[in-house]
């Protein structure tokens, strides 16, 4: 997997401090009309499910809808469960070359999460599963309502950052970000609209 040396070097909102070289954000990576068309198709056409994950020794329903998608060999183990990918949705497949070109890496899979309102969330975690490799590039595309995206260092939870991700924004985590930091999408009271998030990655075939 090749990594570009100047990932989003023209980003108007560069990361600072401990996040420099680990997190890059490009607001409005998709135009509003592109983002709206993609969100509408995915909401209607993706086989959304409630994934079961293992937490504190028991199986629970994830507080969101999800779909694992990608190349046939891109099986992914997360929270004690093995996910076999759905075939690429054609709208995502058409977007993939542009994303790979901008990020300077290849992706063979994407996790789609659908947050139905502000009660749906994602807890603190790192995308550090062995099949992702030691320094994975995770490209996260946001569609729908604005939500808070949080980062914190594993060895110092007071060192943290917050991004307000909006419709069409792209956030990329790379370098040693997954090894040294965690990220989360917390609940937000009063948020009634939906958010669909696509997190692209490369999974090493088994």
Protein backbone atom coordinates (compact mmCIF):
# COMPACT_ATOMS: atom_id res chain seq x y z
CA UNK A 1 0.00 0.00 0.00
CA UNK A 2 1.51 3.33 -1.02
CA UNK A 3 1.20 6.49 1.05
CA UNK A 4 1.40 9.96 -0.45
CA UNK A 5 3.94 12.30 1.17
CA UNK A 6 1.73 15.39 0.86
CA UNK A 7 -1.63 14.12 2.03
CA UNK A 8 -4.01 17.10 1.90
CA UNK A 9 -1.15 19.61 2.05
CA UNK A 10 -3.53 22.37 0.92
CA UNK A 11 -6.05 21.64 3.70
CA UNK A 12 -7.49 24.98 4.91
CA UNK A 13 -8.03 23.52 8.41
CA UNK A 14 -4.70 21.78 9.20
CA UNK A 15 -4.27 19.74 12.35
CA UNK A 16 -1.95 21.11 15.01
CA UNK A 17 0.15 19.90 17.91
CA UNK A 18 0.05 16.14 18.51
CA UNK A 19 -2.42 15.68 15.65
CA UNK A 20 -0.14 17.10 12.97
CA UNK A 21 0.92 14.27 10.67
CA UNK A 22 -1.84 12.06 12.10
CA UNK A 23 -5.14 13.74 11.20
CA UNK A 24 -6.13 15.80 8.14
CA UNK A 25 -9.53 17.31 7.37
CA UNK A 26 -10.86 18.52 4.05
CA UNK A 27 -14.20 20.35 4.48
CA UNK A 28 -16.63 19.98 1.60
CA UNK A 29 -14.65 17.23 -0.15
CA UNK A 30 -17.93 16.33 -1.81
CA UNK A 31 -20.09 19.14 -3.20
CA UNK A 32 -23.50 19.47 -1.48
CA UNK A 33 -25.35 18.03 -4.49
CA UNK A 34 -22.93 15.07 -4.73
CA UNK A 35 -23.19 14.41 -1.00
CA UNK A 36 -27.00 14.61 -1.03
CA UNK A 37 -27.30 12.23 -3.99
CA UNK A 38 -24.91 9.72 -2.41
CA UNK A 39 -26.62 9.86 1.00
CA UNK A 40 -30.03 9.29 -0.57
CA UNK A 41 -28.90 6.24 -2.53
CA UNK A 42 -27.07 4.69 0.41
CA UNK A 43 -29.98 5.22 2.80
CA UNK A 44 -32.34 3.45 0.38
CA UNK A 45 -30.12 0.78 -1.16
CA UNK A 46 -27.56 -0.45 1.41
CA UNK A 47 -28.52 -3.61 3.39
CA UNK A 48 -28.30 -1.96 6.80
CA UNK A 49 -28.12 -4.20 9.86
CA UNK A 50 -27.62 -3.86 13.62
CA UNK A 51 -24.25 -5.48 14.26
CA UNK A 52 -23.79 -7.48 17.44
CA UNK A 53 -20.55 -6.65 19.27
CA UNK A 54 -18.94 -8.03 22.40
CA UNK A 55 -18.63 -5.56 25.28
CA UNK A 56 -17.62 -6.35 28.86
CA UNK A 57 -18.01 -10.07 28.24
CA UNK A 58 -21.46 -10.01 26.67
CA UNK A 59 -23.02 -9.52 23.24
CA UNK A 60 -24.96 -6.30 22.70
CA UNK A 61 -26.56 -4.46 19.78
CA UNK A 62 -24.51 -1.62 18.31
CA UNK A 63 -26.16 1.81 18.83
CA UNK A 64 -26.25 2.46 15.06
CA UNK A 65 -26.92 0.67 11.77
CA UNK A 66 -23.95 -0.67 9.82
CA UNK A 67 -22.78 -2.43 6.69
CA UNK A 68 -19.36 -3.87 5.88
CA UNK A 69 -18.58 -3.61 2.16
CA UNK A 70 -15.64 -4.26 -0.15
CA UNK A 71 -13.58 -6.77 -2.08
CA UNK A 72 -14.46 -10.44 -1.43
CA UNK A 73 -11.24 -11.18 0.48
CA UNK A 74 -11.62 -8.17 2.81
CA UNK A 75 -13.11 -10.01 5.79
CA UNK A 76 -12.78 -8.03 9.01
CA UNK A 77 -12.85 -9.06 12.68
CA UNK A 78 -14.20 -6.44 15.08
CA UNK A 79 -15.32 -6.73 18.71
CA UNK A 80 -15.26 -10.51 18.59
CA UNK A 81 -17.27 -10.87 15.36
CA UNK A 82 -16.12 -11.69 11.82
CA UNK A 83 -17.74 -9.61 9.07
CA UNK A 84 -17.83 -10.80 5.47
CA UNK A 85 -18.11 -7.87 3.03
CA UNK A 86 -21.12 -7.01 0.94
CA UNK A 87 -20.28 -6.22 -2.70
CA UNK A 88 -19.34 -2.62 -3.47
CA UNK A 89 -22.32 -0.35 -3.99
CA UNK A 90 -21.93 1.13 -7.51
CA UNK A 91 -22.04 4.74 -6.26
CA UNK A 92 -19.20 4.04 -3.81
CA UNK A 93 -17.23 2.12 -6.44
CA UNK A 94 -17.38 5.17 -8.72
CA UNK A 95 -16.12 7.39 -5.89
CA UNK A 96 -13.25 5.09 -4.95
CA UNK A 97 -10.65 6.08 -7.61
CA UNK A 98 -10.99 9.76 -6.72
CA UNK A 99 -10.59 9.02 -3.01
CA UNK A 100 -7.56 6.79 -3.58
CA UNK A 101 -5.96 9.43 -5.79
CA UNK A 102 -6.47 12.19 -3.21
CA UNK A 103 -5.27 10.06 -0.28
CA UNK A 104 -2.38 8.39 -2.12
CA UNK A 105 -3.35 4.89 -0.96
CA UNK A 106 -5.52 1.99 -2.06
CA UNK A 107 -8.67 0.92 -0.22
CA UNK A 108 -10.32 -2.50 -0.51
CA UNK A 109 -13.18 -2.03 1.97
CA UNK A 110 -15.43 0.44 3.72
CA UNK A 111 -17.46 0.34 6.93
CA UNK A 112 -20.70 2.28 6.63
CA UNK A 113 -22.35 3.49 9.82
CA UNK A 114 -25.81 5.07 9.89
CA UNK A 115 -26.57 7.25 12.91
CA UNK A 116 -30.34 7.64 12.89
CA UNK A 117 -30.35 10.61 15.28
CA UNK A 118 -28.32 12.06 18.13
CA UNK A 119 -28.94 9.02 20.31
CA UNK A 120 -26.88 6.78 18.02
CA UNK A 121 -23.15 6.89 18.73
CA UNK A 122 -19.72 5.26 18.59
CA UNK A 123 -17.65 4.77 21.74
CA UNK A 124 -13.93 5.29 22.22
CA UNK A 125 -11.83 2.91 20.14
CA UNK A 126 -8.88 2.59 17.75
CA UNK A 127 -8.93 0.93 14.36
CA UNK A 128 -5.89 -1.16 15.29
CA UNK A 129 -6.91 -4.70 14.35
CA UNK A 130 -3.93 -6.77 13.09
CA UNK A 131 -5.32 -7.15 9.56
CA UNK A 132 -5.16 -3.35 9.10
CA UNK A 133 -1.37 -3.30 9.45
CA UNK A 134 0.85 -1.17 11.74
CA UNK A 135 0.00 2.28 10.30
CA UNK A 136 -3.39 2.15 8.53
CA UNK A 137 -4.87 5.05 6.60
CA UNK A 138 -8.55 5.49 7.55
CA UNK A 139 -10.50 7.89 5.33
CA UNK A 140 -13.81 8.95 6.89
CA UNK A 141 -16.47 10.60 4.71
CA UNK A 142 -19.43 12.27 6.46
CA UNK A 143 -22.92 12.65 4.96
CA UNK A 144 -25.92 14.26 6.63
CA UNK A 145 -26.21 16.27 9.81
CA UNK A 146 -23.22 17.77 11.61
CA UNK A 147 -21.81 15.62 14.41
CA UNK A 148 -18.92 15.91 16.86
CA UNK A 149 -15.87 13.72 16.19
CA UNK A 150 -13.48 13.37 19.13
CA UNK A 151 -9.85 12.26 19.42
CA UNK A 152 -7.73 11.63 22.50
CA UNK A 153 -4.26 10.28 23.16
CA UNK A 154 -4.19 6.85 24.77
CA UNK A 155 -1.53 7.80 27.31
CA UNK A 156 -3.08 11.18 28.17
CA UNK A 157 -6.84 11.57 27.82
CA UNK A 158 -6.54 15.30 28.49
CA UNK A 159 -4.75 15.67 25.14
CA UNK A 160 -7.71 15.68 22.81
CA UNK A 161 -9.27 17.35 19.80
CA UNK A 162 -12.79 17.90 18.48
CA UNK A 163 -13.91 18.26 14.88
CA UNK A 164 -17.39 19.25 13.76
CA UNK A 165 -17.88 17.09 10.69
CA UNK A 166 -20.47 18.31 8.22
CA UNK A 167 -22.16 17.11 5.05
CA UNK A 168 -19.47 16.14 2.53
CA UNK A 169 -16.45 16.58 4.85
CA UNK A 170 -13.55 14.13 4.67
CA UNK A 171 -11.30 13.31 7.64
CA UNK A 172 -8.22 11.12 7.23
CA UNK A 173 -6.31 9.43 10.04
CA UNK A 174 -2.87 8.10 9.14
CA UNK A 175 0.66 7.51 10.43
CA UNK A 176 0.66 6.13 13.97
CA UNK A 177 -2.75 7.63 14.82
CA UNK A 178 -4.42 4.28 15.53
CA UNK A 179 -1.52 3.12 17.70
CA UNK A 180 -1.36 6.23 19.92
CA UNK A 181 -4.91 7.64 19.87
CA UNK A 182 -8.59 6.76 20.15
CA UNK A 183 -11.60 8.34 18.47
CA UNK A 184 -15.34 8.48 19.17
CA UNK A 185 -18.63 9.91 17.93
CA UNK A 186 -20.61 10.81 21.09
CA UNK A 187 -24.33 11.17 21.51
CA UNK A 188 -25.72 14.65 20.85
CA UNK A 189 -28.94 15.77 22.47
CA UNK A 190 -31.38 17.52 20.17
CA UNK A 191 -29.96 16.12 16.91
CA UNK A 192 -32.90 14.73 14.95
CA UNK A 193 -31.39 14.16 11.51
CA UNK A 194 -29.40 11.26 10.15
CA UNK A 195 -25.67 10.96 9.51
CA UNK A 196 -24.09 8.32 7.28
CA UNK A 197 -20.35 7.82 7.72
CA UNK A 198 -18.11 5.84 5.37
CA UNK A 199 -14.71 4.77 6.74
CA UNK A 200 -12.48 3.43 3.99
CA UNK A 201 -9.50 1.22 4.77
CA UNK A 202 -7.21 -1.51 3.47
CA UNK A 203 -7.65 -4.94 5.05
CA UNK A 204 -4.79 -7.37 4.50
CA UNK A 205 -6.27 -10.58 3.05
CA UNK A 206 -6.19 -13.57 5.36
